[in-house]
PDB file of N, CA and C in Angstrom:
ATOM      1  N   MET A   1      78.379  87.857-101.599  1.00  0.00           N
ATOM      2  CA  MET A   1      78.899  88.860-101.898  1.00  0.00           C
ATOM      3  C   MET A   1      79.529  89.029-100.171  1.00  0.00           C
ATOM      4  N   SER A   2      80.326  90.275-100.736  1.00  0.00           N
ATOM      5  CA  SER A   2      80.864  90.797 -99.621  1.00  0.00           C
ATOM      6  C   SER A   2      79.989  91.344 -98.176  1.00  0.00           C
ATOM      7  N   LYS A   3      79.670  90.781 -97.138  1.00  0.00           N
ATOM      8  CA  LYS A   3      79.524  91.376 -96.110  1.00  0.00           C
ATOM      9  C   LYS A   3      79.623  92.988 -95.968  1.00  0.00           C
ATOM     10  N   LEU A   4      80.554  93.622 -95.725  1.00  0.00           N
ATOM     11  CA  LEU A   4      80.956  94.705 -96.236  1.00  0.00           C
ATOM     12  C   LEU A   4      80.640  95.908 -97.470  1.00  0.00           C
ATOM     13  N   ILE A   5      80.522  94.998 -98.175  1.00  0.00           N
ATOM     14  CA  ILE A   5      79.843  95.773 -99.502  1.00  0.00           C
ATOM     15  C   ILE A   5      77.938  96.125 -99.081  1.00  0.00           C
ATOM     16  N   GLU A   6      77.185  94.756 -98.393  1.00  0.00           N
ATOM     17  CA  GLU A   6      76.414  94.859 -98.342  1.00  0.00           C
ATOM     18  C   GLU A   6      75.914  95.855 -96.771  1.00  0.00           C
ATOM     19  N   GLU A   7      76.498  95.690 -96.268  1.00  0.00           N
ATOM     20  CA  GLU A   7      76.595  97.067 -95.146  1.00  0.00           C
ATOM     21  C   GLU A   7      76.383  98.245 -95.759  1.00  0.00           C
ATOM     22  N   LEU A   8      76.703  98.332 -97.012  1.00  0.00           N
ATOM     23  CA  LEU A   8      76.227  99.890 -97.458  1.00  0.00           C
ATOM     24  C   LEU A   8      75.411 100.169 -97.649  1.00  0.00           C
ATOM     25  N   VAL A   9      74.199  99.501 -98.261  1.00  0.00           N
ATOM     26  CA  VAL A   9      73.149  99.531 -98.649  1.00  0.00           C
ATOM     27  C   VAL A   9      72.216 100.849 -97.356  1.00  0.00           C
ATOM     28  N   GLY A  10      71.435 101.791 -98.374  1.00  0.00           N
ATOM     29  CA  GLY A  10      71.070 103.220 -97.366  1.00  0.00           C
ATOM     30  C   GLY A  10      72.147 103.713 -96.292  1.00  0.00           C
ATOM     31  N   ARG A  11      73.715 103.609 -96.642  1.00  0.00           N
ATOM     32  CA  ARG A  11      74.591 104.521 -96.529  1.00  0.00           C
ATOM     33  C   ARG A  11      74.615 105.751 -97.513  1.00  0.00           C
ATOM     34  N   ASP A  12      75.269 106.789 -97.177  1.00  0.00           N
ATOM     35  CA  ASP A  12      75.942 108.326 -98.016  1.00  0.00           C
ATOM     36  C   ASP A  12      77.435 107.772 -98.183  1.00  0.00           C
ATOM     37  N   CYS A  13      77.756 107.893 -99.552  1.00  0.00           N
ATOM     38  CA  CYS A  13      79.392 107.343 -99.617  1.00  0.00           C
ATOM     39  C   CYS A  13      80.046 108.105-100.059  1.00  0.00           C
ATOM     40  N   LYS A  14      80.977 108.296-100.909  1.00  0.00           N
ATOM     41  CA  LYS A  14      81.777 108.648-101.894  1.00  0.00           C
ATOM     42  C   LYS A  14      82.650 107.150-102.167  1.00  0.00           C
ATOM     43  N   ILE A  15      82.329 107.182-103.769  1.00  0.00           N
ATOM     44  CA  ILE A  15      83.355 106.317-104.023  1.00  0.00           C
ATOM     45  C   ILE A  15      83.845 106.421-105.077  1.00  0.00           C
ATOM     46  N   SER A  16      84.873 106.264-105.609  1.00  0.00           N
ATOM     47  CA  SER A  16      86.378 106.354-106.054  1.00  0.00           C
ATOM     48  C   SER A  16      85.904 105.377-107.084  1.00  0.00           C
ATOM     49  N   SER A  17      86.184 105.439-108.633  1.00  0.00           N
ATOM     50  CA  SER A  17      86.416 104.850-109.483  1.00  0.00           C
ATOM     51  C   SER A  17      87.051 105.478-110.810  1.00  0.00           C
ATOM     52  N   GLU A  18      88.142 104.363-111.095  1.00  0.00           N
ATOM     53  CA  GLU A  18      88.657 105.252-112.209  1.00  0.00           C
ATOM     54  C   GLU A  18      88.283 104.938-112.982  1.00  0.00           C
ATOM     55  N   LYS A  19      88.092 103.311-113.408  1.00  0.00           N
ATOM     56  CA  LYS A  19      88.021 102.885-114.543  1.00  0.00           C
ATOM     57  C   LYS A  19      86.416 102.659-114.895  1.00  0.00           C
ATOM     58  N   GLY A  20      85.217 102.477-113.715  1.00  0.00           N
ATOM     59  CA  GLY A  20      84.036 101.432-113.445  1.00  0.00           C
ATOM     60  C   GLY A  20      83.148 102.994-114.084  1.00  0.00           C
ATOM     61  N   ILE A  21      83.275 104.103-113.888  1.00  0.00           N
ATOM     62  CA  ILE A  21      82.325 105.332-114.047  1.00  0.00           C
ATOM     63  C   ILE A  21      83.123 106.520-114.191  1.00  0.00           C
ATOM     64  N   ASN A  22      82.962 106.855-115.153  1.00  0.00           N
ATOM     65  CA  ASN A  22      83.049 108.429-115.199  1.00  0.00           C
ATOM     66  C   ASN A  22      82.054 109.588-115.229  1.00  0.00           C
ATOM     67  N   PHE A  23      81.492 109.954-113.997  1.00  0.00           N
ATOM     68  CA  PHE A  23      80.430 110.978-113.620  1.00  0.00           C
ATOM     69  C   PHE A  23      80.884 112.511-114.300  1.00  0.00           C
ATOM     70  N   ALA A  24      80.483 113.665-115.010  1.00  0.00           N
ATOM     71  CA  ALA A  24      80.663 114.711-114.970  1.00  0.00           C
ATOM     72  C   ALA A  24      82.169 114.991-115.214  1.00  0.00           C
ATOM     73  N   GLY A  25      82.545 114.049-115.763  1.00  0.00           N
ATOM     74  CA  GLY A  25      84.345 114.579-115.735  1.00  0.00           C
ATOM     75  C   GLY A  25      85.260 113.647-114.416  1.00  0.00           C
ATOM     76  N   LYS A  26      84.145 113.550-113.680  1.00  0.00           N
ATOM     77  CA  LYS A  26      84.976 112.865-112.021  1.00  0.00           C
ATOM     78  C   LYS A  26      85.335 111.586-112.277  1.00  0.00           C
ATOM     79  N   THR A  27      86.160 110.948-111.159  1.00  0.00           N
ATOM     80  CA  THR A  27      86.203 109.586-110.488  1.00  0.00           C
ATOM     81  C   THR A  27      85.929 109.170-109.604  1.00  0.00           C
ATOM     82  N   GLU A  28      85.281 110.628-108.563  1.00  0.00           N
ATOM     83  CA  GLU A  28      85.322 110.680-107.130  1.00  0.00           C
ATOM     84  C   GLU A  28      83.592 111.346-107.365  1.00  0.00           C
ATOM     85  N   PHE A  29      82.870 110.519-106.328  1.00  0.00           N
ATOM     86  CA  PHE A  29      81.249 111.195-106.413  1.00  0.00           C
ATOM     87  C   PHE A  29      81.176 110.600-105.004  1.00  0.00           C
ATOM     88  N   GLU A  30      79.913 111.609-104.410  1.00  0.00           N
ATOM     89  CA  GLU A  30      78.589 111.260-103.557  1.00  0.00           C
ATOM     90  C   GLU A  30      77.882 110.888-103.772  1.00  0.00           C
ATOM     91  N   CYS A  31      77.532 109.977-103.439  1.00  0.00           N
ATOM     92  CA  CYS A  31      75.915 108.957-104.011  1.00  0.00           C
ATOM     93  C   CYS A  31      75.333 108.147-102.469  1.00  0.00           C
ATOM     94  N   HIS A  32      74.257 107.796-102.822  1.00  0.00           N
ATOM     95  CA  HIS A  32      73.569 107.098-102.071  1.00  0.00           C
ATOM     96  C   HIS A  32      73.209 105.480-102.597  1.00  0.00           C
ATOM     97  N   VAL A  33      73.822 104.638-101.421  1.00  0.00           N
ATOM     98  CA  VAL A  33      73.912 103.080-102.152  1.00  0.00           C
ATOM     99  C   VAL A  33      72.499 102.711-102.204  1.00  0.00           C
ATOM    100  N   MET A  34      71.837 102.196-103.122  1.00  0.00           N
ATOM    101  CA  MET A  34      70.360 101.831-102.972  1.00  0.00           C
ATOM    102  C   MET A  34      69.978 100.386-102.700  1.00  0.00           C
ATOM    103  N   ASP A  35      70.793  99.764-103.356  1.00  0.00           N
ATOM    104  CA  ASP A  35      71.200  97.967-103.336  1.00  0.00           C
ATOM    105  C   ASP A  35      72.219  97.743-103.964  1.00  0.00           C
ATOM    106  N   CYS A  36      72.613  96.332-103.427  1.00  0.00           N
ATOM    107  CA  CYS A  36      73.816  95.401-104.169  1.00  0.00           C
ATOM    108  C   CYS A  36      73.324  93.988-104.237  1.00  0.00           C
ATOM    109  N   ASP A  37      74.617  93.609-105.232  1.00  0.00           N
ATOM    110  CA  ASP A  37      74.251  92.113-104.992  1.00  0.00           C
ATOM    111  C   ASP A  37      75.535  91.748-105.309  1.00  0.00           C
ATOM    112  N   GLU A  38      76.614  90.271-105.979  1.00  0.00           N
ATOM    113  CA  GLU A  38      77.482  90.106-105.739  1.00  0.00           C
ATOM    114  C   GLU A  38      78.406  90.899-106.774  1.00  0.00           C
ATOM    115  N   GLU A  39      77.829  91.243-108.033  1.00  0.00           N
ATOM    116  CA  GLU A  39      78.632  92.147-108.947  1.00  0.00           C
ATOM    117  C   GLU A  39      78.002  93.537-109.250  1.00  0.00           C
ATOM    118  N   TRP A  40      77.246  93.975-108.392  1.00  0.00           N
ATOM    119  CA  TRP A  40      77.035  95.769-108.835  1.00  0.00           C
ATOM    120  C   TRP A  40      76.638  96.140-107.520  1.00  0.00           C
ATOM    121  N   LEU A  41      76.806  97.462-107.708  1.00  0.00           N
ATOM    122  CA  LEU A  41      76.317  98.672-107.196  1.00  0.00           C
ATOM    123  C   LEU A  41      74.828  99.296-107.506  1.00  0.00           C
ATOM    124  N   LYS A  42      73.600  99.245-107.043  1.00  0.00           N
ATOM    125  CA  LYS A  42      72.814 100.372-107.733  1.00  0.00           C
ATOM    126  C   LYS A  42      73.184 101.639-106.679  1.00  0.00           C
ATOM    127  N   ILE A  43      73.594 103.011-107.213  1.00  0.00           N
ATOM    128  CA  ILE A  43      73.675 104.579-106.557  1.00  0.00           C
ATOM    129  C   ILE A  43      72.463 105.272-107.360  1.00  0.00           C
ATOM    130  N   SER A  44      72.919 106.445-105.996  1.00  0.00           N
ATOM    131  CA  SER A  44      71.479 107.569-106.513  1.00  0.00           C
ATOM    132  C   SER A  44      72.796 108.485-106.330  1.00  0.00           C
ATOM    133  N   LEU A  45      72.687 109.646-107.181  1.00  0.00           N
ATOM    134  CA  LEU A  45      73.429 110.606-107.523  1.00  0.00           C
ATOM    135  C   LEU A  45      73.067 111.907-107.427  1.00  0.00           C
ATOM    136  N   LYS A  46      72.960 112.857-107.663  1.00  0.00           N
ATOM    137  CA  LYS A  46      72.613 114.076-107.849  1.00  0.00           C
ATOM    138  C   LYS A  46      73.602 114.956-109.585  1.00  0.00           C
ATOM    139  N   ASP A  47      73.273 115.130-110.301  1.00  0.00           N
ATOM    140  CA  ASP A  47      74.554 115.959-111.533  1.00  0.00           C
ATOM    141  C   ASP A  47      74.389 117.469-111.320  1.00  0.00           C
ATOM    142  N   LYS A  48      74.612 117.908-112.394  1.00  0.00           N
ATOM    143  CA  LYS A  48      75.672 119.246-112.468  1.00  0.00           C
ATOM    144  C   LYS A  48      73.779 120.423-112.205  1.00  0.00           C
ATOM    145  N   LYS A  49      73.082 119.704-112.441  1.00  0.00           N
ATOM    146  CA  LYS A  49      71.466 120.431-112.643  1.00  0.00           C
ATOM    147  C   LYS A  49      70.489 119.915-111.123  1.00  0.00           C
ATOM    148  N   ASN A  50      71.151 119.334-110.755  1.00  0.00           N
ATOM    149  CA  ASN A  50      70.348 118.729-109.171  1.00  0.00           C
ATOM    150  C   ASN A  50      69.414 117.882-109.715  1.00  0.00           C
ATOM    151  N   GLN A  51      69.355 117.004-110.652  1.00  0.00           N
ATOM    152  CA  GLN A  51      68.791 116.070-110.622  1.00  0.00           C
ATOM    153  C   GLN A  51      69.200 115.155-110.549  1.00  0.00           C
ATOM    154  N   GLU A  52      68.485 114.176-110.250  1.00  0.00           N
ATOM    155  CA  GLU A  52      68.419 112.742-109.542  1.00  0.00           C
ATOM    156  C   GLU A  52      68.589 111.521-110.434  1.00  0.00           C
ATOM    157  N   ILE A  53      70.341 110.968-110.245  1.00  0.00           N
ATOM    158  CA  ILE A  53      70.582 110.150-111.568  1.00  0.00           C
ATOM    159  C   ILE A  53      70.724 108.735-110.627  1.00  0.00           C
ATOM    160  N   VAL A  54      70.422 107.179-111.267  1.00  0.00           N
ATOM    161  CA  VAL A  54      70.435 105.898-111.171  1.00  0.00           C
ATOM    162  C   VAL A  54      71.293 105.509-111.893  1.00  0.00           C
ATOM    163  N   LYS A  55      72.389 105.104-111.115  1.00  0.00           N
ATOM    164  CA  LYS A  55      73.407 104.290-111.722  1.00  0.00           C
ATOM    165  C   LYS A  55      73.627 103.141-111.405  1.00  0.00           C
ATOM    166  N   MET A  56      74.583 102.158-111.959  1.00  0.00           N
ATOM    167  CA  MET A  56      74.762 100.760-111.952  1.00  0.00           C
ATOM    168  C   MET A  56      76.046 100.697-111.985  1.00  0.00           C
ATOM    169  N   ILE A  57      76.658 100.653-111.207  1.00  0.00           N
ATOM    170  CA  ILE A  57      78.626 100.317-111.345  1.00  0.00           C
ATOM    171  C   ILE A  57      79.008  98.484-110.513  1.00  0.00           C
ATOM    172  N   ARG A  58      80.174  98.578-111.868  1.00  0.00           N
ATOM    173  CA  ARG A  58      80.430  97.096-111.055  1.00  0.00           C
ATOM    174  C   ARG A  58      81.177  97.022-110.013  1.00  0.00           C
ATOM    175  N   VAL A  59      80.761  96.378-108.801  1.00  0.00           N
ATOM    176  CA  VAL A  59      81.641  96.535-107.407  1.00  0.00           C
ATOM    177  C   VAL A  59      83.453  95.993-107.938  1.00  0.00           C
ATOM    178  N   GLU A  60      83.789  95.143-108.651  1.00  0.00           N
ATOM    179  CA  GLU A  60      85.118  95.219-108.816  1.00  0.00           C
ATOM    180  C   GLU A  60      85.950  96.512-109.549  1.00  0.00           C
ATOM    181  N   ASP A  61      85.048  97.726-110.409  1.00  0.00           N
ATOM    182  CA  ASP A  61      85.183  98.638-110.513  1.00  0.00           C
ATOM    183  C   ASP A  61      85.578  99.790-109.803  1.00  0.00           C
ATOM    184  N   VAL A  62      85.208  99.602-108.325  1.00  0.00           N
ATOM    185  CA  VAL A  62      85.564 100.269-107.665  1.00  0.00           C
ATOM    186  C   VAL A  62      86.284 100.734-106.738  1.00  0.00           C
ATOM    187  N   ASP A  63      87.492 101.760-106.886  1.00  0.00           N
ATOM    188  CA  ASP A  63      88.576 101.613-106.400  1.00  0.00           C
ATOM    189  C   ASP A  63      88.887 101.684-104.342  1.00  0.00           C
ATOM    190  N   GLU A  64      87.693 102.567-104.805  1.00  0.00           N
ATOM    191  CA  GLU A  64      88.008 103.268-102.695  1.00  0.00           C
ATOM    192  C   GLU A  64      86.173 103.388-102.354  1.00  0.00           C
ATOM    193  N   ILE A  65      85.896 103.374-101.204  1.00  0.00           N
ATOM    194  CA  ILE A  65      84.518 103.942-100.538  1.00  0.00           C
ATOM    195  C   ILE A  65      84.673 104.795 -99.117  1.00  0.00           C
ATOM    196  N   GLU A  66      84.257 106.076 -98.939  1.00  0.00           N
ATOM    197  CA  GLU A  66      84.320 106.667 -97.651  1.00  0.00           C
ATOM    198  C   GLU A  66      83.100 106.895 -97.394  1.00  0.00           C
ATOM    199  N   VAL A  67      82.722 106.003 -96.302  1.00  0.00           N
ATOM    200  CA  VAL A  67      81.054 106.264 -95.506  1.00  0.00           C
ATOM    201  C   VAL A  67      81.231 107.541 -95.014  1.00  0.00           C
ATOM    202  N   LYS A  68      80.114 107.535 -94.932  1.00  0.00           N
ATOM    203  CA  LYS A  68      80.231 109.096 -94.522  1.00  0.00           C
ATOM    204  C   LYS A  68      79.370 108.545 -92.529  1.00  0.00           C
ATOM    205  N   VAL A  69      79.732 109.321 -91.536  1.00  0.00           N
ATOM    206  CA  VAL A  69      79.308 108.360 -90.585  1.00  0.00           C
ATOM    207  C   VAL A  69      78.931 109.746 -89.898  1.00  0.00           C
ATOM    208  N   ASP A  70      77.744 109.384 -89.266  1.00  0.00           N
ATOM    209  CA  ASP A  70      77.075 110.432 -88.797  1.00  0.00           C
ATOM    210  C   ASP A  70      77.341 111.069 -87.014  1.00  0.00           C
ATOM    211  N   GLN A  71      77.726 112.361 -86.985  1.00  0.00           N
ATOM    212  CA  GLN A  71      78.394 112.904 -86.032  1.00  0.00           C
ATOM    213  C   GLN A  71      77.758 112.801 -85.145  1.00  0.00           C
ATOM    214  N   SER A  72      76.458 112.506 -84.846  1.00  0.00           N
ATOM    215  CA  SER A  72      75.825 112.486 -83.800  1.00  0.00           C
ATOM    216  C   SER A  72      75.518 111.282 -82.435  1.00  0.00           C
ATOM    217  N   LEU A  73      76.374 110.625 -83.587  1.00  0.00           N
ATOM    218  CA  LEU A  73      75.765 109.066 -82.643  1.00  0.00           C
ATOM    219  C   LEU A  73      77.040 108.929 -81.160  1.00  0.00           C
TER     220      LEU A  73
END
């Protein structure tokens, strides 16, 4: 597994995926990375009703990941 992907566990990110997931008509979404392995990312995100949704997406289907950096550091 990529060390870079493994370092995302526990972080809040913005993920872009044209192919892997289309959530509420969006291909870019903010989420929390819960876990990962060689093939999958387990993420949690909020839907339009502010309900938490847990999804699994393939690592190969992720186009871009933007990591939120804590400004207080």
